[in-house]
Amino acid sequence: MAGFLTGLVKGFGPKLAIGAGLGAAGLLVASKIDRPAATEGKTAEVSPEEKKTAAVALAGTKPAERSRSQPMAVDPHALVVKRVLKIDGPFRHGDYVWDESGAPTTGPVIITIDLKAQTLSVFRGGYEIGAAVILYGADDKPSPLGAFPITEKDADHVSNLYDAPMPYMLRLTNDGVAIHGSDVQWGNATHGCIGVPTPFAKKLFGATKLGDMAIITNGRMLDTSHADPA
């Protein structure tokens, strides 16, 4: 997995140009989240086995369930960014954008999550169609790093561990990690899940299918150097 992330992503630090960041390094300043500038990535060598794994996920076939310690291999060639949304101003907790105009109506959906920037982006066919500020796992229950396919969808899910509502739940692991609607406020945290504003979670739920991939990093970014701002 380390080899995949090294080749797929590049760049650390507080680059704060709004609207060109994708799952990129950012800073939290006075409860505001900035989306950073694009940077050029590298291409990793991918084995035929890894390409087969990625092809299965991108085709929408339900993949095998995975634990936090079992992220999947991904073909970085499948992660071409063609457009990023332009966001006029810093993100704050509870903020999100969703704009499918100009994006293809079909195509693989990939979700990128950067814990350091505290942001999530969703792409269809390489076009960013949504972005949101997130909650993530506290120190004693951290969110895992790596790529995980969606293995279950449940719009009215309730946690059997914490007896808490998890609206528009997209399960990523079989040991309690999912993306779901939350009250995204400064100071809140999760038990490892990725919490997004509930209205955004509803849109994300409608845009995804089983097998779509979520990539969780911590201060790294994809190559958006050739992407057009919306």
Protein backbone atom coordinates (compact mmCIF):
# COMPACT_ATOMS: atom_id res chain seq x y z
CA MET A 1 0.00 0.00 0.00
CA ALA A 2 2.88 2.32 0.78
CA GLY A 3 4.16 1.96 -2.76
CA PHE A 4 0.76 2.80 -4.17
CA LEU A 5 0.39 5.94 -2.08
CA THR A 6 3.93 7.08 -2.83
CA GLY A 7 3.32 6.86 -6.55
CA LEU A 8 -0.25 8.09 -6.49
CA VAL A 9 0.12 11.10 -4.30
CA LYS A 10 2.63 13.81 -3.66
CA GLY A 11 2.97 16.92 -1.60
CA PHE A 12 2.67 18.16 1.94
CA GLY A 13 2.18 21.60 3.46
CA PRO A 14 -0.13 24.57 3.64
CA LYS A 15 -0.74 25.51 0.01
CA LEU A 16 -3.89 27.54 0.31
CA ALA A 17 -5.10 28.51 -3.19
CA ILE A 18 -8.84 27.89 -3.13
CA GLY A 19 -10.43 25.56 -5.66
CA ALA A 20 -7.49 23.56 -7.00
CA GLY A 21 -7.08 21.04 -4.19
CA LEU A 22 -8.14 17.42 -4.28
CA GLY A 23 -7.77 15.49 -1.07
CA ALA A 24 -4.78 17.75 -0.45
CA ALA A 25 -2.80 19.14 2.45
CA GLY A 26 -4.54 21.97 4.22
CA LEU A 27 -4.58 23.94 7.45
CA LEU A 28 -7.19 24.33 10.13
CA VAL A 29 -7.14 27.98 11.22
CA ALA A 30 -9.86 29.46 13.44
CA SER A 31 -12.17 26.59 12.46
CA LYS A 32 -11.75 27.27 8.72
CA ILE A 33 -10.64 24.70 6.14
CA ASP A 34 -8.70 25.86 3.08
CA ARG A 35 -8.45 23.84 -0.12
CA PRO A 36 -4.85 23.85 -1.41
CA ALA A 37 -3.23 24.32 -4.77
CA ALA A 38 -2.62 21.50 -7.21
CA THR A 39 0.69 19.76 -7.48
CA GLU A 40 2.14 17.36 -9.99
CA GLY A 41 2.08 13.67 -9.08
CA LYS A 42 4.05 10.65 -10.16
CA THR A 43 2.93 7.41 -11.70
CA ALA A 44 3.40 4.20 -9.76
CA GLU A 45 4.11 0.84 -11.34
CA VAL A 46 1.11 -1.41 -10.87
CA SER A 47 1.11 -5.19 -11.10
CA PRO A 48 -1.46 -7.07 -13.20
CA GLU A 49 -2.99 -8.38 -9.97
CA GLU A 50 -3.48 -4.84 -8.64
CA LYS A 51 -5.01 -3.72 -11.93
CA LYS A 52 -7.44 -6.63 -11.78
CA THR A 53 -8.44 -5.68 -8.23
CA ALA A 54 -9.03 -2.07 -9.25
CA ALA A 55 -11.00 -3.08 -12.33
CA VAL A 56 -13.37 -5.17 -10.22
CA ALA A 57 -14.02 -2.25 -7.86
CA LEU A 58 -14.52 0.28 -10.62
CA ALA A 59 -16.92 -2.03 -12.43
CA GLY A 60 -19.31 -1.87 -9.48
CA THR A 61 -19.07 -5.55 -8.51
CA LYS A 62 -19.53 -5.97 -4.78
CA PRO A 63 -16.02 -6.58 -3.41
CA ALA A 64 -15.08 -8.71 -0.44
CA GLU A 65 -15.43 -7.02 2.93
CA ARG A 66 -12.24 -5.62 4.41
CA SER A 67 -11.03 -4.56 7.83
CA ARG A 68 -9.25 -1.29 8.64
CA SER A 69 -5.92 -3.07 8.18
CA GLN A 70 -6.78 -4.43 4.71
CA PRO A 71 -6.88 -1.51 2.24
CA MET A 72 -7.12 -2.49 -1.41
CA ALA A 73 -4.62 -1.99 -4.22
CA VAL A 74 -5.63 0.60 -6.81
CA ASP A 75 -4.48 1.33 -10.33
CA PRO A 76 -3.43 5.02 -10.23
CA HIS A 77 -4.20 5.33 -13.95
CA ALA A 78 -7.86 5.10 -12.98
CA LEU A 79 -7.53 8.28 -10.92
CA VAL A 80 -7.18 10.92 -13.62
CA VAL A 81 -8.53 14.31 -12.48
CA LYS A 82 -10.10 16.30 -15.30
CA ARG A 83 -11.91 19.04 -13.35
CA VAL A 84 -12.06 20.45 -9.84
CA LEU A 85 -14.81 22.62 -8.44
CA LYS A 86 -14.09 26.27 -7.81
CA ILE A 87 -14.87 27.22 -4.24
CA ASP A 88 -14.89 30.94 -3.46
CA GLY A 89 -13.65 31.03 0.09
CA PRO A 90 -12.45 28.71 2.84
CA PHE A 91 -14.48 25.74 3.99
CA ARG A 92 -15.91 25.81 7.51
CA HIS A 93 -17.39 22.94 9.47
CA GLY A 94 -20.81 22.16 8.04
CA ASP A 95 -19.96 23.57 4.60
CA TYR A 96 -20.26 21.59 1.38
CA VAL A 97 -20.72 22.11 -2.35
CA TRP A 98 -22.39 19.88 -4.94
CA ASP A 99 -22.39 20.73 -8.64
CA GLU A 100 -22.82 18.09 -11.34
CA SER A 101 -23.18 20.58 -14.20
CA GLY A 102 -20.73 19.81 -17.00
CA ALA A 103 -19.81 16.43 -15.49
CA PRO A 104 -20.61 13.12 -17.16
CA THR A 105 -23.80 11.46 -15.94
CA THR A 106 -22.12 8.06 -15.85
CA GLY A 107 -18.64 6.81 -15.06
CA PRO A 108 -16.63 5.51 -12.12
CA VAL A 109 -17.16 7.38 -8.86
CA ILE A 110 -14.12 7.86 -6.63
CA ILE A 111 -14.17 9.52 -3.22
CA THR A 112 -11.01 11.12 -1.82
CA ILE A 113 -10.68 11.97 1.86
CA ASP A 114 -7.81 13.93 3.39
CA LEU A 115 -7.76 13.80 7.17
CA LYS A 116 -5.22 16.63 7.47
CA ALA A 117 -7.21 18.99 5.28
CA GLN A 118 -10.45 17.63 6.82
CA THR A 119 -12.11 17.53 3.41
CA LEU A 120 -13.80 14.98 1.19
CA SER A 121 -14.14 15.21 -2.60
CA VAL A 122 -16.25 13.05 -4.90
CA PHE A 123 -15.42 12.54 -8.58
CA ARG A 124 -17.38 11.00 -11.43
CA GLY A 125 -15.40 10.16 -14.53
CA GLY A 126 -12.58 12.40 -13.27
CA TYR A 127 -14.86 15.42 -12.68
CA GLU A 128 -15.26 16.69 -9.13
CA ILE A 129 -18.99 16.96 -8.40
CA GLY A 130 -18.94 17.48 -4.64
CA ALA A 131 -16.77 18.48 -1.71
CA ALA A 132 -17.37 18.82 2.03
CA VAL A 133 -15.69 19.43 5.35
CA ILE A 134 -15.60 16.21 7.39
CA LEU A 135 -15.39 14.78 10.86
CA TYR A 136 -13.00 11.87 11.37
CA GLY A 137 -11.72 9.49 14.03
CA ALA A 138 -10.41 10.73 17.36
CA ASP A 139 -6.95 9.74 18.59
CA ASP A 140 -8.17 6.58 20.35
CA LYS A 141 -10.35 5.57 17.36
CA PRO A 142 -8.46 6.84 14.29
CA SER A 143 -9.78 6.64 10.76
CA PRO A 144 -7.73 4.19 8.66
CA LEU A 145 -5.56 5.18 5.72
CA GLY A 146 -5.76 3.51 2.34
CA ALA A 147 -8.32 2.65 -0.32
CA PHE A 148 -11.57 0.92 0.60
CA PRO A 149 -14.52 -0.05 -1.59
CA ILE A 150 -18.12 0.58 -0.57
CA THR A 151 -19.51 -2.79 0.55
CA GLU A 152 -22.94 -1.74 1.90
CA LYS A 153 -25.40 1.13 1.56
CA ASP A 154 -28.12 1.86 4.12
CA ALA A 155 -30.01 5.16 4.11
CA ASP A 156 -31.50 4.58 7.59
CA HIS A 157 -28.62 2.82 9.34
CA VAL A 158 -28.26 2.81 13.12
CA SER A 159 -24.93 1.79 14.67
CA ASN A 160 -25.13 -1.53 16.48
CA LEU A 161 -22.02 -0.57 18.45
CA TYR A 162 -23.05 2.88 19.67
CA ASP A 163 -26.85 2.88 19.05
CA ALA A 164 -26.42 6.09 17.06
CA PRO A 165 -28.07 7.07 13.75
CA MET A 166 -25.78 6.97 10.72
CA PRO A 167 -27.97 8.34 7.90
CA TYR A 168 -27.02 7.54 4.30
CA MET A 169 -24.33 5.14 5.47
CA LEU A 170 -21.69 3.88 3.00
CA ARG A 171 -19.77 1.04 4.67
CA LEU A 172 -16.03 0.87 4.00
CA THR A 173 -14.83 -1.80 6.46
CA ASN A 174 -16.34 -4.69 8.36
CA ASP A 175 -15.02 -3.34 11.67
CA GLY A 176 -16.96 -0.13 11.91
CA VAL A 177 -15.71 2.44 9.38
CA ALA A 178 -18.21 4.16 7.09
CA ILE A 179 -19.07 7.48 5.49
CA HIS A 180 -22.36 8.86 6.83
CA GLY A 181 -24.32 11.97 7.64
CA SER A 182 -23.25 13.77 10.82
CA ASP A 183 -23.59 17.02 12.70
CA VAL A 184 -20.31 18.44 11.39
CA GLN A 185 -19.28 20.99 13.99
CA TRP A 186 -15.91 22.21 15.21
CA GLY A 187 -14.65 20.02 18.08
CA ASN A 188 -16.68 16.93 17.18
CA ALA A 189 -15.07 13.62 16.22
CA THR A 190 -16.09 10.08 15.29
CA HIS A 191 -15.08 6.55 16.25
CA GLY A 192 -13.21 6.17 12.96
CA CYS A 193 -16.00 6.93 10.53
CA ILE A 194 -16.01 9.83 8.09
CA GLY A 195 -18.84 12.20 8.99
CA VAL A 196 -20.21 14.62 6.38
CA PRO A 197 -23.16 17.07 6.50
CA THR A 198 -26.35 15.03 6.18
CA PRO A 199 -27.69 16.85 3.07
CA PHE A 200 -24.35 16.15 1.39
CA ALA A 201 -24.45 12.53 2.57
CA LYS A 202 -27.83 12.13 0.86
CA LYS A 203 -26.43 13.37 -2.45
CA LEU A 204 -23.34 11.17 -2.09
CA PHE A 205 -25.53 8.18 -1.29
CA GLY A 206 -27.49 8.72 -4.50
CA ALA A 207 -24.34 9.11 -6.60
CA THR A 208 -22.52 5.96 -5.44
CA LYS A 209 -22.89 2.22 -5.87
CA LEU A 210 -21.36 -0.86 -4.28
CA GLY A 211 -17.71 -1.20 -5.27
CA ASP A 212 -17.08 2.53 -5.67
CA MET A 213 -13.83 3.44 -4.01
CA ALA A 214 -12.90 5.76 -1.14
CA ILE A 215 -9.25 6.73 -0.71
CA ILE A 216 -8.24 8.06 2.71
CA THR A 217 -4.92 9.92 3.07
CA ASN A 218 -3.36 12.22 5.63
CA GLY A 219 -1.98 15.34 3.97
CA ARG A 220 -1.29 13.98 0.49
CA MET A 221 -2.83 14.84 -2.84
CA LEU A 222 -3.59 13.54 -6.29
CA ASP A 223 -2.20 15.16 -9.42
CA THR A 224 -4.57 17.97 -10.42
CA SER A 225 -2.02 19.85 -12.53
CA HIS A 226 -4.00 19.13 -15.72
CA ALA A 227 -7.45 19.65 -14.24
CA ASP A 228 -9.69 22.52 -15.28
CA PRO A 229 -11.40 24.54 -12.53
CA ALA A 230 -15.18 24.48 -12.88
